């Protein structure tokens, strides 16, 4: 089992910055591929970014490419999502997810999920 706990959400102005963190426990973190997803009110969950277990490979949704950065610190069992220049459309609950094997954009392939952290971007 893997436990994931997100933190760092809150209210941010458009054009500002925010960093989300996701702390993992219960399994060797460096064997897990990690992803960030978000769900806006009334919308389906969408992929934001993923990072391989080594940190060597990352994937981004087109909507956040160039603004958000996913990274990880295997010594701290933590994955991060740096959100720069957020827009009101980035508002939603952000979820951290983990899987073994290979990183993917498909949420249904992730085995473990955190409880989510709310991000609200004001205009």
N, C-alpha and C. Protein backbone atom coordinates (compact mmCIF):
# COMPACT_ATOMS: atom_id res chain seq x y z
N UNK A 1 0.82 -1.20 0.00
CA UNK A 1 0.00 0.00 0.00
C UNK A 1 0.86 1.25 0.00
N UNK A 2 0.33 2.28 -0.60
CA UNK A 2 1.01 3.57 -0.66
C UNK A 2 0.04 4.63 -0.15
N UNK A 3 0.51 5.46 0.72
CA UNK A 3 -0.29 6.59 1.20
C UNK A 3 0.29 7.88 0.61
N UNK A 4 -0.58 8.70 0.08
CA UNK A 4 -0.18 9.96 -0.54
C UNK A 4 -0.93 11.11 0.14
N UNK A 5 -0.19 12.13 0.51
CA UNK A 5 -0.80 13.28 1.17
C UNK A 5 -0.34 14.55 0.47
N UNK A 6 -1.30 15.25 -0.14
CA UNK A 6 -1.00 16.50 -0.84
C UNK A 6 -1.06 17.67 0.14
N UNK A 7 -0.31 18.71 -0.19
CA UNK A 7 -0.36 19.95 0.58
C UNK A 7 0.07 21.09 -0.32
N UNK A 8 -0.17 22.29 0.17
CA UNK A 8 0.28 23.47 -0.57
C UNK A 8 -0.79 24.19 -1.35
N UNK A 9 -1.98 23.64 -1.40
CA UNK A 9 -3.05 24.30 -2.12
C UNK A 9 -3.51 25.56 -1.41
N UNK A 10 -4.34 26.33 -2.10
CA UNK A 10 -4.86 27.56 -1.51
C UNK A 10 -5.32 28.51 -2.58
N UNK A 11 -5.42 29.76 -2.20
CA UNK A 11 -5.85 30.81 -3.12
C UNK A 11 -4.62 31.54 -3.66
N UNK A 12 -4.57 31.70 -4.97
CA UNK A 12 -3.45 32.39 -5.60
C UNK A 12 -4.00 33.30 -6.69
N UNK A 13 -3.37 34.43 -6.87
CA UNK A 13 -3.78 35.32 -7.94
C UNK A 13 -3.24 34.86 -9.28
N UNK A 14 -3.98 35.11 -10.31
CA UNK A 14 -3.51 34.80 -11.65
C UNK A 14 -2.17 35.49 -11.88
N UNK A 15 -1.25 34.76 -12.46
CA UNK A 15 0.08 35.30 -12.69
C UNK A 15 1.05 35.11 -11.55
N UNK A 16 0.56 34.61 -10.43
CA UNK A 16 1.41 34.37 -9.28
C UNK A 16 2.11 33.03 -9.38
N UNK A 17 2.36 32.40 -8.23
CA UNK A 17 2.95 31.08 -8.23
C UNK A 17 2.52 30.33 -6.99
N UNK A 18 2.57 29.01 -7.10
CA UNK A 18 2.17 28.14 -6.00
C UNK A 18 2.90 26.82 -6.18
N UNK A 19 3.31 26.21 -5.10
CA UNK A 19 3.95 24.91 -5.19
C UNK A 19 3.17 23.89 -4.38
N UNK A 20 2.75 22.84 -5.06
CA UNK A 20 2.09 21.74 -4.39
C UNK A 20 3.10 20.66 -4.06
N UNK A 21 2.87 19.99 -2.96
CA UNK A 21 3.72 18.87 -2.55
C UNK A 21 2.87 17.64 -2.33
N UNK A 22 3.47 16.49 -2.52
CA UNK A 22 2.79 15.22 -2.26
C UNK A 22 3.80 14.31 -1.58
N UNK A 23 3.52 13.99 -0.33
CA UNK A 23 4.40 13.12 0.44
C UNK A 23 3.88 11.68 0.37
N UNK A 24 4.78 10.76 0.09
CA UNK A 24 4.41 9.36 -0.05
C UNK A 24 5.01 8.53 1.08
N UNK A 25 4.29 7.48 1.43
CA UNK A 25 4.79 6.53 2.43
C UNK A 25 4.20 5.17 2.12
N UNK A 26 4.83 4.15 2.66
CA UNK A 26 4.30 2.80 2.55
C UNK A 26 4.96 1.91 1.52
N UNK A 27 5.73 2.49 0.64
CA UNK A 27 6.41 1.71 -0.39
C UNK A 27 7.63 2.50 -0.80
N UNK A 28 8.65 1.82 -1.28
CA UNK A 28 9.85 2.50 -1.71
C UNK A 28 9.50 3.53 -2.80
N UNK A 29 9.65 4.79 -2.43
CA UNK A 29 9.18 5.87 -3.31
C UNK A 29 9.89 5.86 -4.65
N UNK A 30 11.16 5.50 -4.64
CA UNK A 30 11.93 5.59 -5.88
C UNK A 30 11.53 4.52 -6.89
N UNK A 31 10.59 3.66 -6.55
CA UNK A 31 10.10 2.68 -7.52
C UNK A 31 8.79 3.14 -8.17
N UNK A 32 8.27 4.27 -7.72
CA UNK A 32 6.96 4.74 -8.17
C UNK A 32 7.05 5.85 -9.21
N UNK A 33 6.25 5.74 -10.24
CA UNK A 33 6.02 6.84 -11.16
C UNK A 33 4.88 7.68 -10.57
N UNK A 34 5.01 8.98 -10.68
CA UNK A 34 4.06 9.88 -10.01
C UNK A 34 3.36 10.78 -11.02
N UNK A 35 2.12 11.11 -10.70
CA UNK A 35 1.37 12.00 -11.57
C UNK A 35 0.55 13.01 -10.78
N UNK A 36 0.24 14.11 -11.42
CA UNK A 36 -0.68 15.10 -10.88
C UNK A 36 -1.88 15.20 -11.81
N UNK A 37 -3.04 15.22 -11.21
CA UNK A 37 -4.30 15.37 -11.93
C UNK A 37 -5.11 16.46 -11.25
N UNK A 38 -6.07 17.00 -11.96
CA UNK A 38 -6.96 17.96 -11.31
C UNK A 38 -8.39 17.72 -11.78
N UNK A 39 -9.31 18.17 -10.93
CA UNK A 39 -10.71 18.09 -11.27
C UNK A 39 -11.38 19.40 -10.91
N UNK A 40 -11.91 20.06 -11.92
CA UNK A 40 -12.63 21.31 -11.72
C UNK A 40 -14.11 21.00 -11.49
N UNK A 41 -14.82 21.90 -10.84
CA UNK A 41 -16.24 21.66 -10.58
C UNK A 41 -17.01 21.37 -11.86
N UNK A 42 -17.75 20.29 -11.86
CA UNK A 42 -18.57 19.93 -13.00
C UNK A 42 -17.81 19.35 -14.18
N UNK A 43 -16.51 19.12 -14.00
CA UNK A 43 -15.70 18.58 -15.10
C UNK A 43 -15.06 17.26 -14.69
N UNK A 44 -14.63 16.54 -15.70
CA UNK A 44 -13.95 15.28 -15.43
C UNK A 44 -12.52 15.55 -14.97
N UNK A 45 -11.99 14.58 -14.28
CA UNK A 45 -10.59 14.66 -13.87
C UNK A 45 -9.69 14.70 -15.12
N UNK A 46 -8.67 15.53 -15.07
CA UNK A 46 -7.76 15.63 -16.21
C UNK A 46 -6.32 15.50 -15.77
N UNK A 47 -5.54 14.97 -16.67
CA UNK A 47 -4.10 14.80 -16.45
C UNK A 47 -3.40 16.15 -16.51
N UNK A 48 -2.46 16.35 -15.59
CA UNK A 48 -1.65 17.56 -15.58
C UNK A 48 -0.19 17.26 -15.92
N UNK A 49 0.43 16.36 -15.18
CA UNK A 49 1.84 16.07 -15.39
C UNK A 49 2.19 14.74 -14.75
N UNK A 50 3.25 14.12 -15.27
CA UNK A 50 3.76 12.90 -14.66
C UNK A 50 5.27 12.91 -14.70
N UNK A 51 5.86 12.10 -13.82
CA UNK A 51 7.31 12.00 -13.75
C UNK A 51 7.68 10.56 -13.46
N UNK A 52 8.72 10.08 -14.13
CA UNK A 52 9.15 8.71 -13.93
C UNK A 52 9.82 8.53 -12.58
N UNK A 53 10.04 7.29 -12.20
CA UNK A 53 10.59 6.99 -10.89
C UNK A 53 11.95 7.64 -10.68
N UNK A 54 12.73 7.77 -11.75
CA UNK A 54 14.06 8.35 -11.64
C UNK A 54 14.05 9.87 -11.77
N UNK A 55 12.95 10.40 -12.26
CA UNK A 55 12.88 11.83 -12.54
C UNK A 55 13.37 12.20 -13.92
N UNK A 56 13.82 11.21 -14.68
CA UNK A 56 14.42 11.50 -15.98
C UNK A 56 13.38 11.83 -17.05
N UNK A 57 12.18 11.32 -16.89
CA UNK A 57 11.15 11.52 -17.92
C UNK A 57 9.93 12.22 -17.32
N UNK A 58 9.50 13.25 -18.01
CA UNK A 58 8.30 13.98 -17.59
C UNK A 58 7.35 14.13 -18.78
N UNK A 59 6.08 14.23 -18.46
CA UNK A 59 5.04 14.45 -19.46
C UNK A 59 4.14 15.56 -18.93
N UNK A 60 3.72 16.45 -19.81
CA UNK A 60 2.85 17.55 -19.41
C UNK A 60 1.63 17.63 -20.32
N UNK A 61 0.53 18.04 -19.75
CA UNK A 61 -0.63 18.38 -20.57
C UNK A 61 -0.31 19.67 -21.31
N UNK A 62 -0.82 19.79 -22.52
CA UNK A 62 -0.56 20.99 -23.32
C UNK A 62 -1.00 22.26 -22.60
N UNK A 63 -2.05 22.14 -21.81
CA UNK A 63 -2.61 23.32 -21.16
C UNK A 63 -1.69 23.92 -20.09
N UNK A 64 -0.73 23.14 -19.60
CA UNK A 64 0.14 23.64 -18.54
C UNK A 64 1.61 23.69 -18.97
N UNK A 65 1.90 23.18 -20.15
CA UNK A 65 3.28 23.12 -20.61
C UNK A 65 3.89 24.51 -20.64
N UNK A 66 5.07 24.64 -20.06
CA UNK A 66 5.74 25.93 -20.02
C UNK A 66 5.39 26.76 -18.80
N UNK A 67 4.36 26.35 -18.06
CA UNK A 67 3.95 27.09 -16.84
C UNK A 67 4.12 26.25 -15.58
N UNK A 68 3.85 24.98 -15.68
CA UNK A 68 3.95 24.09 -14.51
C UNK A 68 5.18 23.19 -14.67
N UNK A 69 5.77 22.82 -13.55
CA UNK A 69 6.92 21.93 -13.55
C UNK A 69 6.73 20.86 -12.48
N UNK A 70 6.85 19.61 -12.88
CA UNK A 70 6.79 18.51 -11.93
C UNK A 70 8.22 18.09 -11.61
N UNK A 71 8.46 17.79 -10.34
CA UNK A 71 9.79 17.34 -9.92
C UNK A 71 9.61 16.42 -8.73
N UNK A 72 10.68 15.76 -8.35
CA UNK A 72 10.62 14.87 -7.23
C UNK A 72 11.92 14.86 -6.47
N UNK A 73 11.83 14.54 -5.19
CA UNK A 73 13.00 14.38 -4.33
C UNK A 73 12.85 13.01 -3.69
N UNK A 74 13.57 12.04 -4.22
CA UNK A 74 13.42 10.67 -3.72
C UNK A 74 13.95 10.52 -2.29
N UNK A 75 14.85 11.39 -1.89
CA UNK A 75 15.36 11.33 -0.53
C UNK A 75 14.30 11.78 0.48
N UNK A 76 13.36 12.60 0.01
CA UNK A 76 12.29 13.09 0.88
C UNK A 76 10.95 12.43 0.59
N UNK A 77 10.94 11.47 -0.33
CA UNK A 77 9.69 10.77 -0.68
C UNK A 77 8.59 11.75 -1.07
N UNK A 78 8.96 12.73 -1.85
CA UNK A 78 8.02 13.81 -2.17
C UNK A 78 8.09 14.17 -3.65
N UNK A 79 6.93 14.43 -4.21
CA UNK A 79 6.83 14.95 -5.56
C UNK A 79 6.19 16.34 -5.48
N UNK A 80 6.61 17.21 -6.38
CA UNK A 80 6.17 18.60 -6.35
C UNK A 80 5.51 18.98 -7.68
N UNK A 81 4.66 19.97 -7.61
CA UNK A 81 4.13 20.61 -8.80
C UNK A 81 4.28 22.12 -8.62
N UNK A 82 5.23 22.69 -9.33
CA UNK A 82 5.43 24.14 -9.30
C UNK A 82 4.50 24.76 -10.32
N UNK A 83 3.62 25.62 -9.84
CA UNK A 83 2.64 26.26 -10.72
C UNK A 83 3.02 27.73 -10.87
N UNK A 84 3.51 28.09 -12.04
CA UNK A 84 3.84 29.48 -12.34
C UNK A 84 2.81 30.05 -13.31
N UNK A 85 2.54 31.31 -13.14
CA UNK A 85 1.56 32.00 -13.99
C UNK A 85 0.25 31.23 -14.09
N UNK A 86 -0.31 30.82 -12.97
CA UNK A 86 -1.59 30.12 -13.05
C UNK A 86 -2.69 31.02 -13.58
N UNK A 87 -3.71 30.39 -14.15
CA UNK A 87 -4.85 31.09 -14.71
C UNK A 87 -6.11 30.66 -13.97
N UNK A 88 -7.16 31.44 -14.03
CA UNK A 88 -8.41 31.01 -13.38
C UNK A 88 -8.86 29.61 -13.83
N UNK A 89 -8.58 29.25 -15.06
CA UNK A 89 -8.93 27.93 -15.56
C UNK A 89 -8.16 26.79 -14.92
N UNK A 90 -7.13 27.12 -14.16
CA UNK A 90 -6.37 26.08 -13.44
C UNK A 90 -7.01 25.74 -12.09
N UNK A 91 -8.08 26.41 -11.75
CA UNK A 91 -8.77 26.15 -10.49
C UNK A 91 -9.32 24.73 -10.45
N UNK A 92 -9.16 24.09 -9.32
CA UNK A 92 -9.70 22.75 -9.15
C UNK A 92 -9.05 22.05 -7.97
N UNK A 93 -9.47 20.81 -7.76
CA UNK A 93 -8.83 19.98 -6.75
C UNK A 93 -7.70 19.22 -7.44
N UNK A 94 -6.53 19.33 -6.88
CA UNK A 94 -5.35 18.68 -7.45
C UNK A 94 -5.04 17.42 -6.68
N UNK A 95 -4.89 16.34 -7.44
CA UNK A 95 -4.63 15.03 -6.86
C UNK A 95 -3.26 14.53 -7.28
N UNK A 96 -2.61 13.92 -6.34
CA UNK A 96 -1.36 13.22 -6.58
C UNK A 96 -1.68 11.74 -6.75
N UNK A 97 -0.99 11.07 -7.66
CA UNK A 97 -1.23 9.66 -7.90
C UNK A 97 0.09 8.94 -8.15
N UNK A 98 0.07 7.63 -7.91
CA UNK A 98 1.29 6.83 -8.05
C UNK A 98 1.00 5.51 -8.75
N UNK A 99 1.98 5.03 -9.47
CA UNK A 99 1.86 3.74 -10.13
C UNK A 99 3.23 3.14 -10.32
N UNK A 100 3.27 1.85 -10.45
CA UNK A 100 4.50 1.17 -10.81
C UNK A 100 4.53 1.05 -12.33
N UNK A 101 5.61 0.48 -12.86
CA UNK A 101 5.69 0.30 -14.31
C UNK A 101 6.20 1.56 -14.97
N UNK A 102 5.39 2.15 -15.85
CA UNK A 102 5.80 3.32 -16.61
C UNK A 102 4.85 4.48 -16.36
N UNK A 103 5.33 5.72 -16.43
CA UNK A 103 4.43 6.86 -16.27
C UNK A 103 3.46 6.93 -17.43
N UNK A 104 2.29 7.44 -17.19
CA UNK A 104 1.26 7.52 -18.20
C UNK A 104 0.35 8.70 -17.93
N UNK A 105 -0.37 9.13 -18.95
CA UNK A 105 -1.33 10.22 -18.77
C UNK A 105 -2.70 9.70 -18.36
N UNK A 106 -2.89 8.39 -18.39
CA UNK A 106 -4.20 7.79 -18.13
C UNK A 106 -4.41 7.57 -16.64
N UNK A 107 -5.35 8.31 -16.11
CA UNK A 107 -5.61 8.24 -14.68
C UNK A 107 -6.03 6.87 -14.20
N UNK A 108 -6.75 6.13 -15.02
CA UNK A 108 -7.24 4.82 -14.57
C UNK A 108 -6.13 3.79 -14.44
N UNK A 109 -4.92 4.15 -14.84
CA UNK A 109 -3.80 3.23 -14.68
C UNK A 109 -3.01 3.49 -13.39
N UNK A 110 -3.36 4.56 -12.70
CA UNK A 110 -2.68 4.84 -11.44
C UNK A 110 -3.35 4.06 -10.32
N UNK A 111 -2.53 3.49 -9.47
CA UNK A 111 -3.03 2.58 -8.44
C UNK A 111 -3.34 3.27 -7.12
N UNK A 112 -2.66 4.35 -6.86
CA UNK A 112 -2.79 5.00 -5.56
C UNK A 112 -3.07 6.48 -5.76
N UNK A 113 -3.93 7.02 -4.91
CA UNK A 113 -4.36 8.41 -5.01
C UNK A 113 -4.35 9.07 -3.64
N UNK A 114 -4.03 10.37 -3.65
CA UNK A 114 -4.17 11.16 -2.45
C UNK A 114 -5.58 11.71 -2.32
N UNK A 115 -5.80 12.47 -1.27
CA UNK A 115 -7.14 12.99 -1.00
C UNK A 115 -7.42 14.29 -1.74
N UNK A 116 -6.40 14.90 -2.28
CA UNK A 116 -6.57 16.12 -3.06
C UNK A 116 -6.34 17.38 -2.24
N UNK A 117 -5.96 18.44 -2.94
CA UNK A 117 -5.80 19.75 -2.32
C UNK A 117 -6.41 20.80 -3.26
N UNK A 118 -7.17 21.70 -2.70
CA UNK A 118 -7.89 22.69 -3.50
C UNK A 118 -6.96 23.83 -3.91
N UNK A 119 -7.01 24.17 -5.18
CA UNK A 119 -6.30 25.34 -5.70
C UNK A 119 -7.33 26.25 -6.35
N UNK A 120 -7.34 27.49 -5.93
CA UNK A 120 -8.25 28.47 -6.50
C UNK A 120 -7.43 29.63 -7.04
N UNK A 121 -7.59 29.91 -8.31
CA UNK A 121 -6.85 30.99 -8.95
C UNK A 121 -7.82 32.14 -9.22
N UNK A 122 -7.55 33.28 -8.62
CA UNK A 122 -8.42 34.44 -8.79
C UNK A 122 -7.90 35.33 -9.91
N UNK A 123 -8.81 35.98 -10.58
CA UNK A 123 -8.42 36.83 -11.70
C UNK A 123 -8.14 38.26 -11.24
